Amino acid sequence: MNESNFLTLEEVARNLKVTRQTVSKYIQSQKLNAIKINKSYRITINDFEDFINSNSTIEEPQISYVNKTKNCNLEYLGKSNEFEVINSIKHGDFRMIDFKYPSSKNMFIFGDNYFVLKKLLGSHKSSIDLIYIDPPFGTGQAFNSIDDNEVYSDRLVNSEYLEFLRKRLLLLRELLSEQGSIYLHIDKKIGHYVKIIMDEVFGYKNFINDITRIKCNPKNFARSAYGNYSDMILYYAKYRDKQIWNDVKEPLNEFKKKKLFPKYHPDFGSYTTNPIHAPGKTINGDTGSEWKGLMPPKGRHWRYRREVLDELDDKGLIEWSKTGNPRKIVLAKDHKGFKVQDVWEFKDKGLSYVNYPTQKNRDLLDRIILNSSNESSIVLDCFAGSGSTLLAANKYGRNWIGIDNSTHSINVVQNTFKEKRIGCSFYEYVPYD
């Protein structure tokens, strides 16, 4: 039995935008044919298509869906049916064009990512842990290399652009694992429309963050507007709270170190001090008793048991002022780092410093990969460009898949990987005649 010819109740419910229980009622009332396999029901694609054709206007489930969630949909001409996008037949295959590393699981596929992603559903459905994409921004422009050769076109705009992106997001959702997540990097001019598309595809409840990325130095242009020096990254999980999240901290840099730990100890290095008492009075407990001839200040208690205070003092970690006031020494070297916030400063380098016109800062990609994937994960970038995402994934021992239809992209990636001796199998998507 080929399971790709069958849909689960969950898949039918998602395509119809109804609950699983509603699908069960359709089956019980014999409106929808289903086959029982083991203990679960499966619906053939043909039976599902017959059901859609027989119930072309299903008003009540759509209204119920809108009322019970915060999701909203963008309506525009030429919007494709979700079921057709995901389940239409694939007409092509991958042809190997470079296979110098036969042991490598990593691959770069040259071709239109819409057809490549559809083909990958046959082998990688629900298996990708992390997707980062930096698609065209719908600017209506063409982007050139430093040699003034056109690298890729960004001439799709408005609803055409949104549908171009939506169709690919639907396929990417199917490729994500249950613990997977997606980061979409986009310009603010169109990003708010893309946010609605992503709510529709992934569900509002799976939205995690709208990250502001500072991309350049402040601008001083003449037009009547505020300077534009940031773009946005939309972060969604396949299933919220199930996604991989390693909570990598932002390290203490020298500027913050000097600000937060202004003192210096010859043995311990940079440090600061904190009070050893806290608000609230302890009447009978150990933390309200006398320690080294001192009582806690009025209305307060010791933060630690007196035994712990003795240990700290013996280790030289209590600083006594000239007036005899004790404070705990806190060392910079013990700082665990800061929780990463939703404003990131990762500025792009100029065109003369990169080999692709929209190449992103690799420190940004390091952060995303370390936070949202594990060493066993597969990372996917279907707008691979210069291959920066693939390089970052490879750096941290992840498996990866890159896709792009630009000849400049595949040439840059091949040359870079050859120079760095990175194993990769290169394929081309070839449509059937």
Protein backbone atom coordinates (compact mmCIF):
# COMPACT_ATOMS: atom_id res chain seq x y z
CA MET A 1 0.00 0.00 0.00
CA ASN A 2 1.35 3.41 -0.97
CA GLU A 3 0.53 5.69 1.97
CA SER A 4 1.10 8.79 -0.18
CA ASN A 5 -2.29 7.98 -1.82
CA PHE A 6 -4.12 8.28 1.52
CA LEU A 7 -4.93 11.15 3.87
CA THR A 8 -5.33 10.98 7.64
CA LEU A 9 -8.33 12.50 9.43
CA GLU A 10 -6.05 15.31 10.63
CA GLU A 11 -4.95 16.13 7.07
CA VAL A 12 -8.55 16.19 5.82
CA ALA A 13 -9.60 18.39 8.76
CA ARG A 14 -6.77 20.83 8.08
CA ASN A 15 -7.59 21.09 4.37
CA LEU A 16 -11.30 21.63 5.07
CA LYS A 17 -10.54 23.95 8.00
CA VAL A 18 -12.79 21.95 10.33
CA THR A 19 -12.22 19.85 13.44
CA ARG A 20 -11.28 16.17 13.41
CA GLN A 21 -14.65 15.41 15.01
CA THR A 22 -16.44 17.06 12.06
CA VAL A 23 -14.56 14.81 9.64
CA SER A 24 -15.61 11.77 11.72
CA LYS A 25 -19.25 12.89 11.39
CA TYR A 26 -18.87 13.10 7.59
CA ILE A 27 -17.60 9.49 7.63
CA GLN A 28 -20.36 8.27 9.96
CA SER A 29 -23.03 9.89 7.81
CA GLN A 30 -21.39 8.28 4.71
CA LYS A 31 -20.85 11.68 3.11
CA LEU A 32 -17.13 10.86 2.99
CA ASN A 33 -15.78 7.41 2.16
CA ALA A 34 -13.03 6.07 4.42
CA ILE A 35 -11.02 2.88 4.86
CA LYS A 36 -10.12 1.49 8.28
CA ILE A 37 -6.45 0.53 8.47
CA ASN A 38 -5.48 -1.04 11.80
CA LYS A 39 -7.26 1.25 14.28
CA SER A 40 -7.25 4.42 12.19
CA TYR A 41 -9.28 5.69 9.27
CA ARG A 42 -7.69 6.75 5.98
CA ILE A 43 -9.28 8.62 3.08
CA THR A 44 -8.09 8.14 -0.47
CA ILE A 45 -7.23 11.25 -2.44
CA ASN A 46 -9.87 10.34 -5.04
CA ASP A 47 -12.57 10.01 -2.37
CA PHE A 48 -11.56 13.34 -0.87
CA GLU A 49 -11.71 15.03 -4.27
CA ASP A 50 -15.20 13.55 -4.82
CA PHE A 51 -16.28 14.91 -1.42
CA ILE A 52 -15.00 18.41 -2.30
CA ASN A 53 -16.75 18.34 -5.68
CA SER A 54 -20.01 17.26 -4.03
CA ASN A 55 -19.73 19.89 -1.29
CA SER A 56 -18.16 22.76 -3.19
CA THR A 57 -19.63 25.36 -0.81
CA ILE A 58 -19.01 24.31 2.78
CA GLU A 59 -19.99 27.53 4.54
CA GLU A 60 -20.47 26.41 8.14
CA PRO A 61 -17.00 24.90 8.79
CA GLN A 62 -15.31 28.01 7.34
CA ILE A 63 -17.33 30.34 9.56
CA SER A 64 -16.71 28.16 12.61
CA TYR A 65 -12.98 28.17 11.92
CA VAL A 66 -12.79 31.96 11.65
CA ASN A 67 -14.87 32.55 14.78
CA LYS A 68 -12.87 30.22 17.01
CA THR A 69 -9.36 31.41 16.12
CA LYS A 70 -7.46 34.64 15.59
CA ASN A 71 -6.58 33.54 12.06
CA CYS A 72 -7.64 35.72 9.17
CA ASN A 73 -7.18 35.16 5.46
CA LEU A 74 -6.06 37.39 2.62
CA GLU A 75 -8.36 37.05 -0.37
CA TYR A 76 -7.03 37.86 -3.85
CA LEU A 77 -7.45 36.74 -7.45
CA GLY A 78 -5.57 33.62 -8.43
CA LYS A 79 -5.40 32.11 -4.94
CA SER A 80 -4.84 28.34 -5.28
CA ASN A 81 -6.67 25.59 -3.46
CA GLU A 82 -4.52 24.32 -0.59
CA PHE A 83 -5.32 20.67 -1.27
CA GLU A 84 -4.32 20.98 -4.92
CA VAL A 85 -1.03 22.69 -4.05
CA ILE A 86 -0.02 19.89 -1.69
CA ASN A 87 -1.41 16.85 -3.48
CA SER A 88 -1.14 17.58 -7.22
CA ILE A 89 1.04 15.08 -9.07
CA LYS A 90 4.77 15.77 -9.40
CA HIS A 91 6.16 15.63 -12.94
CA GLY A 92 9.93 15.43 -12.60
CA ASP A 93 12.93 13.91 -10.87
CA PHE A 94 16.38 14.77 -9.54
CA ARG A 95 19.37 14.25 -11.81
CA MET A 96 22.80 14.08 -10.23
CA ILE A 97 25.23 16.67 -11.57
CA ASP A 98 28.08 16.41 -9.04
CA PHE A 99 28.66 13.57 -6.56
CA LYS A 100 32.18 13.87 -5.24
CA TYR A 101 31.23 12.89 -1.68
CA PRO A 102 29.14 9.69 -1.84
CA SER A 103 28.92 9.44 1.98
CA SER A 104 27.34 12.90 2.30
CA LYS A 105 23.67 13.20 3.27
CA ASN A 106 23.77 16.88 2.40
CA MET A 107 22.48 18.14 -0.92
CA PHE A 108 22.02 21.20 -3.09
CA ILE A 109 19.24 21.00 -5.69
CA PHE A 110 19.20 23.33 -8.67
CA GLY A 111 15.69 24.12 -9.87
CA ASP A 112 12.38 25.87 -9.18
CA ASN A 113 11.85 25.37 -5.45
CA TYR A 114 8.09 24.85 -5.87
CA PHE A 115 8.63 21.65 -7.87
CA VAL A 116 11.67 20.61 -5.84
CA LEU A 117 9.72 20.92 -2.57
CA LYS A 118 6.85 18.87 -4.01
CA LYS A 119 9.33 16.17 -5.00
CA LEU A 120 10.92 16.23 -1.54
CA LEU A 121 7.54 15.48 0.05
CA GLY A 122 8.01 11.91 -1.17
CA SER A 123 11.21 11.44 0.84
CA HIS A 124 11.33 14.15 3.54
CA LYS A 125 7.75 14.79 4.64
CA SER A 126 7.61 15.67 8.38
CA SER A 127 11.39 15.27 8.72
CA ILE A 128 12.83 18.81 8.54
CA ASP A 129 13.54 20.35 11.97
CA LEU A 130 14.48 23.84 10.85
CA ILE A 131 13.70 26.01 7.84
CA TYR A 132 15.28 29.40 7.29
CA ILE A 133 14.31 31.29 4.15
CA ASP A 134 15.22 34.72 2.88
CA PRO A 135 12.91 34.94 -0.18
CA PRO A 136 12.70 37.86 -2.61
CA PHE A 137 10.98 40.80 -0.92
CA GLY A 138 8.50 41.63 -3.69
CA THR A 139 10.46 44.78 -4.60
CA GLY A 140 9.90 44.61 -8.37
CA GLN A 141 13.66 44.88 -8.93
CA ALA A 142 16.46 42.76 -10.34
CA PHE A 143 19.55 42.13 -8.19
CA ASN A 144 23.02 42.16 -9.72
CA SER A 145 26.41 40.90 -8.60
CA ILE A 146 29.40 43.21 -8.09
CA ASP A 147 30.24 42.54 -11.77
CA ASP A 148 26.79 43.95 -12.69
CA ASN A 149 25.47 40.57 -13.85
CA GLU A 150 21.84 39.85 -12.97
CA VAL A 151 21.77 37.26 -10.17
CA TYR A 152 18.02 36.89 -9.64
CA SER A 153 14.81 38.71 -10.41
CA ASP A 154 12.46 40.03 -7.74
CA ARG A 155 9.84 41.32 -10.15
CA LEU A 156 6.81 39.52 -8.70
CA VAL A 157 4.78 42.04 -6.69
CA ASN A 158 1.46 42.38 -4.86
CA SER A 159 -0.90 39.37 -4.95
CA GLU A 160 1.27 37.47 -7.42
CA TYR A 161 4.15 37.64 -4.98
CA LEU A 162 2.01 36.63 -1.99
CA GLU A 163 0.65 33.60 -3.86
CA PHE A 164 4.15 32.66 -5.01
CA LEU A 165 5.22 32.63 -1.35
CA ARG A 166 2.04 31.03 0.05
CA LYS A 167 2.28 27.99 -2.25
CA ARG A 168 5.83 27.34 -1.08
CA LEU A 169 4.93 27.87 2.58
CA LEU A 170 2.20 25.23 2.29
CA LEU A 171 4.77 22.71 1.07
CA LEU A 172 7.31 23.76 3.69
CA ARG A 173 4.72 23.18 6.42
CA GLU A 174 4.29 19.60 5.22
CA LEU A 175 8.06 19.06 5.31
CA LEU A 176 8.43 20.32 8.90
CA SER A 177 8.73 17.72 11.64
CA GLU A 178 6.54 17.88 14.75
CA GLN A 179 9.42 19.58 16.57
CA GLY A 180 10.23 21.81 13.60
CA SER A 181 10.15 25.57 13.16
CA ILE A 182 10.51 28.10 10.36
CA TYR A 183 12.15 31.54 10.22
CA LEU A 184 11.10 33.76 7.31
CA HIS A 185 13.24 36.85 6.66
CA ILE A 186 11.31 39.62 4.95
CA ASP A 187 11.20 43.37 4.30
CA LYS A 188 8.78 45.50 6.34
CA LYS A 189 7.14 46.91 3.22
CA ILE A 190 5.40 43.59 2.60
CA GLY A 191 6.15 41.67 5.79
CA HIS A 192 2.82 42.44 7.46
CA TYR A 193 0.92 40.85 4.57
CA VAL A 194 3.27 37.86 4.80
CA LYS A 195 2.47 37.59 8.52
CA ILE A 196 -1.21 37.07 7.65
CA ILE A 197 -0.26 34.44 5.06
CA MET A 198 1.86 32.62 7.66
CA ASP A 199 -0.98 32.77 10.19
CA GLU A 200 -3.20 31.14 7.57
CA VAL A 201 -0.66 28.43 6.69
CA PHE A 202 0.82 27.62 10.10
CA GLY A 203 -1.92 28.87 12.42
CA TYR A 204 -1.89 31.98 14.59
CA LYS A 205 -1.32 29.88 17.71
CA ASN A 206 2.02 28.67 16.28
CA PHE A 207 3.39 32.20 15.88
CA ILE A 208 6.37 32.67 18.23
CA ASN A 209 8.16 35.96 17.46
CA ASP A 210 8.35 38.92 15.10
CA ILE A 211 12.08 39.66 15.30
CA THR A 212 13.42 43.08 14.31
CA ARG A 213 16.80 42.78 12.60
CA ILE A 214 18.98 45.91 12.44
CA LYS A 215 20.51 45.56 8.99
CA CYS A 216 22.69 48.67 8.54
CA ASN A 217 23.88 51.90 10.12
CA PRO A 218 21.30 54.68 10.68
CA LYS A 219 20.33 56.47 7.46
CA ASN A 220 20.29 60.21 6.83
CA PHE A 221 18.26 60.51 3.64
CA ALA A 222 16.34 63.60 2.56
CA ARG A 223 12.80 62.22 2.14
CA SER A 224 10.07 62.99 4.69
CA ALA A 225 10.21 59.74 6.68
CA TYR A 226 12.02 58.03 9.51
CA GLY A 227 15.21 56.19 8.64
CA ASN A 228 14.73 52.58 7.60
CA TYR A 229 17.50 50.45 9.02
CA SER A 230 15.72 47.24 9.99
CA ASP A 231 13.80 44.33 8.50
CA MET A 232 11.88 41.48 10.13
CA ILE A 233 12.11 37.75 10.75
CA LEU A 234 8.86 35.86 11.37
CA TYR A 235 9.36 32.80 13.59
CA TYR A 236 6.71 30.03 13.69
CA ALA A 237 6.64 26.51 15.10
CA LYS A 238 4.93 23.55 13.45
CA TYR A 239 3.37 22.90 16.87
CA ARG A 240 3.94 25.58 19.50
CA ASP A 241 5.81 24.42 22.63
CA LYS A 242 6.92 21.23 20.88
CA GLN A 243 9.60 22.95 18.78
CA ILE A 244 13.31 22.49 19.42
CA TRP A 245 14.42 25.36 21.65
CA ASN A 246 17.94 25.32 23.09
CA ASP A 247 17.70 28.79 24.66
CA VAL A 248 21.25 29.76 23.76
CA LYS A 249 22.21 32.85 25.75
CA GLU A 250 23.78 36.05 24.47
CA PRO A 251 27.33 36.16 25.87
CA LEU A 252 28.59 38.96 28.10
CA ASN A 253 30.53 41.36 25.86
CA GLU A 254 33.25 43.73 27.05
CA PHE A 255 30.96 46.79 27.07
CA LYS A 256 28.36 45.10 29.28
CA LYS A 257 31.08 43.50 31.39
CA LYS A 258 32.53 46.91 32.28
CA LYS A 259 29.06 48.29 32.98
CA LEU A 260 27.76 45.40 35.07
CA PHE A 261 31.02 44.31 36.73
CA PRO A 262 32.96 47.55 37.29
CA LYS A 263 35.24 46.31 40.09
CA TYR A 264 38.38 44.23 39.74
CA HIS A 265 39.87 41.61 42.10
CA PRO A 266 43.46 40.39 41.56
CA ASP A 267 42.39 36.75 42.09
CA PHE A 268 38.81 36.70 40.79
CA GLY A 269 38.90 39.26 37.96
CA SER A 270 35.96 41.57 37.20
CA TYR A 271 33.14 41.59 39.75
CA THR A 272 30.31 43.51 41.35
CA THR A 273 28.62 43.19 44.73
CA ASN A 274 25.04 42.53 45.84
CA PRO A 275 23.37 42.92 49.24
CA ILE A 276 23.26 39.76 51.37
CA HIS A 277 19.86 40.69 52.84
CA ALA A 278 16.39 40.80 51.33
CA PRO A 279 12.97 42.33 52.16
CA GLY A 280 10.86 40.57 54.76
CA LYS A 281 11.45 39.82 58.42
CA THR A 282 12.22 36.30 59.69
CA ILE A 283 11.10 35.96 63.30
CA ASN A 284 12.33 32.54 64.41
CA GLY A 285 14.32 31.22 61.42
CA ASP A 286 18.08 31.06 60.89
CA THR A 287 18.05 33.93 58.36
CA GLY A 288 16.72 36.32 61.00
CA SER A 289 19.44 35.57 63.54
CA GLU A 290 22.68 37.35 64.31
CA TRP A 291 25.65 36.67 62.02
CA LYS A 292 29.19 37.79 62.89
CA GLY A 293 27.85 40.32 65.34
CA LEU A 294 25.32 41.76 62.89
CA MET A 295 21.54 41.56 62.66
CA PRO A 296 19.75 41.99 59.32
CA PRO A 297 18.53 45.57 58.75
CA LYS A 298 15.09 46.39 60.09
CA GLY A 299 12.31 44.64 58.18
CA ARG A 300 14.76 42.39 56.27
CA HIS A 301 16.40 38.95 56.56
CA TRP A 302 19.65 37.34 55.36
CA ARG A 303 19.37 35.99 51.78
CA TYR A 304 21.29 32.86 52.80
CA ARG A 305 21.55 30.64 55.86
CA ARG A 306 24.35 31.69 58.21
CA GLU A 307 26.24 28.51 57.33
CA VAL A 308 26.30 29.57 53.68
CA LEU A 309 27.39 33.09 54.62
CA ASP A 310 30.31 31.59 56.57
CA GLU A 311 31.35 29.55 53.49
CA LEU A 312 31.20 32.61 51.25
CA ASP A 313 33.25 34.64 53.69
CA ASP A 314 35.85 31.87 54.04
CA LYS A 315 36.23 31.82 50.23
CA GLY A 316 36.74 35.59 50.14
CA LEU A 317 33.39 36.14 48.42
CA ILE A 318 32.07 38.62 51.00
CA GLU A 319 33.31 42.18 50.61
CA TRP A 320 33.37 44.19 53.83
CA SER A 321 33.17 47.95 53.54
CA LYS A 322 35.20 50.32 55.75
CA THR A 323 32.10 50.74 57.90
CA GLY A 324 31.69 46.96 58.30
CA ASN A 325 28.83 46.46 55.79
CA PRO A 326 29.02 42.98 54.13
CA ARG A 327 28.06 42.44 50.44
CA LYS A 328 28.34 39.31 48.31
CA ILE A 329 30.94 39.32 45.51
CA VAL A 330 29.43 38.32 42.13
CA LEU A 331 32.01 37.33 39.51
CA ALA A 332 31.78 38.17 35.80
CA LYS A 333 33.22 34.75 34.90
CA ASP A 334 30.16 33.07 36.48
CA HIS A 335 27.69 35.05 34.36
CA LYS A 336 25.50 32.66 32.33
CA GLY A 337 24.68 35.12 29.55
CA PHE A 338 21.52 37.07 28.70
CA LYS A 339 18.18 35.90 27.38
CA VAL A 340 18.12 36.82 23.69
CA GLN A 341 15.48 39.48 22.99
CA ASP A 342 13.53 40.13 19.78
CA VAL A 343 15.74 42.94 18.43
CA TRP A 344 18.91 41.63 16.77
CA GLU A 345 21.80 43.69 15.46
CA PHE A 346 23.38 41.71 12.64
CA LYS A 347 24.33 44.20 9.95
CA ASP A 348 24.85 43.15 6.33
CA LYS A 349 28.23 43.62 4.72
CA GLY A 350 28.66 45.68 1.55
CA LEU A 351 28.50 44.07 -1.89
CA SER A 352 32.28 44.24 -2.25
CA TYR A 353 32.65 41.93 0.79
CA VAL A 354 30.22 39.16 -0.23
CA ASN A 355 29.73 36.84 -3.20
CA TYR A 356 25.93 37.21 -3.41
CA PRO A 357 23.92 40.48 -3.43
CA THR A 358 21.49 39.61 -0.59
CA GLN A 359 23.88 37.56 1.54
CA LYS A 360 22.97 37.73 5.24
CA ASN A 361 25.24 38.04 8.26
CA ARG A 362 26.38 34.54 9.22
CA ASP A 363 26.28 35.31 12.96
CA LEU A 364 22.51 35.70 12.55
CA LEU A 365 22.30 32.23 11.01
CA ASP A 366 24.51 30.79 13.76
CA ARG A 367 22.04 32.02 16.37
CA ILE A 368 19.02 30.54 14.59
CA ILE A 369 20.65 27.16 13.97
CA LEU A 370 22.00 26.81 17.51
CA ASN A 371 18.67 27.76 19.09
CA SER A 372 16.26 25.82 16.86
CA SER A 373 18.03 22.63 15.74
CA ASN A 374 20.02 19.71 17.14
CA GLU A 375 22.97 17.82 15.70
CA SER A 376 20.59 15.15 14.37
CA SER A 377 18.43 17.77 12.62
CA ILE A 378 17.99 18.52 8.92
CA VAL A 379 18.10 22.23 8.06
CA LEU A 380 16.44 23.44 4.84
CA ASP A 381 16.86 26.67 2.87
CA CYS A 382 14.91 26.75 -0.40
CA PHE A 383 16.18 30.22 -1.34
CA ALA A 384 19.76 29.21 -0.71
CA GLY A 385 21.55 32.05 -2.54
CA SER A 386 25.20 32.06 -1.51
CA GLY A 387 24.72 28.99 0.73
CA SER A 388 25.21 30.87 4.02
CA THR A 389 22.53 28.81 5.79
CA LEU A 390 24.13 25.59 4.56
CA LEU A 391 27.57 26.71 5.73
CA ALA A 392 26.25 27.56 9.19
CA ALA A 393 24.38 24.24 9.43
CA ASN A 394 27.50 22.36 8.35
CA LYS A 395 29.60 24.29 10.88
CA TYR A 396 27.49 22.92 13.73
CA GLY A 397 27.20 19.35 12.46
CA ARG A 398 23.62 19.53 11.13
CA ASN A 399 22.45 17.86 7.94
CA TRP A 400 21.11 20.25 5.33
CA ILE A 401 19.33 20.75 2.01
CA GLY A 402 19.72 23.84 -0.18
CA ILE A 403 17.57 24.78 -3.19
CA ASP A 404 17.95 27.60 -5.70
CA ASN A 405 17.23 28.17 -9.40
CA SER A 406 19.94 30.81 -9.96
CA THR A 407 23.01 29.71 -11.93
CA HIS A 408 24.98 32.30 -9.97
CA SER A 409 23.86 30.62 -6.73
CA ILE A 410 24.94 27.10 -7.70
CA ASN A 411 28.26 28.39 -9.05
CA VAL A 412 28.99 30.28 -5.82
CA VAL A 413 27.98 27.31 -3.65
CA GLN A 414 30.05 24.82 -5.68
CA ASN A 415 33.13 27.04 -5.56
CA THR A 416 32.76 27.79 -1.84
CA PHE A 417 32.21 24.16 -0.89
CA LYS A 418 35.14 23.03 -3.02
CA GLU A 419 37.39 25.62 -1.38
CA LYS A 420 36.26 24.62 2.13
CA ARG A 421 36.17 20.88 1.28
CA ILE A 422 32.54 20.52 2.34
CA GLY A 423 30.79 17.34 1.24
CA CYS A 424 27.67 17.94 -0.84
CA SER A 425 25.75 16.09 -3.53
CA PHE A 426 24.54 18.42 -6.29
CA TYR A 427 21.32 17.65 -8.18
CA GLU A 428 19.20 19.30 -10.82
CA TYR A 429 15.43 19.05 -10.92
CA VAL A 430 14.44 17.84 -14.39
CA PRO A 431 10.72 17.92 -15.39
CA TYR A 432 9.37 14.99 -17.36
CA ASP A 433 8.54 15.57 -21.03
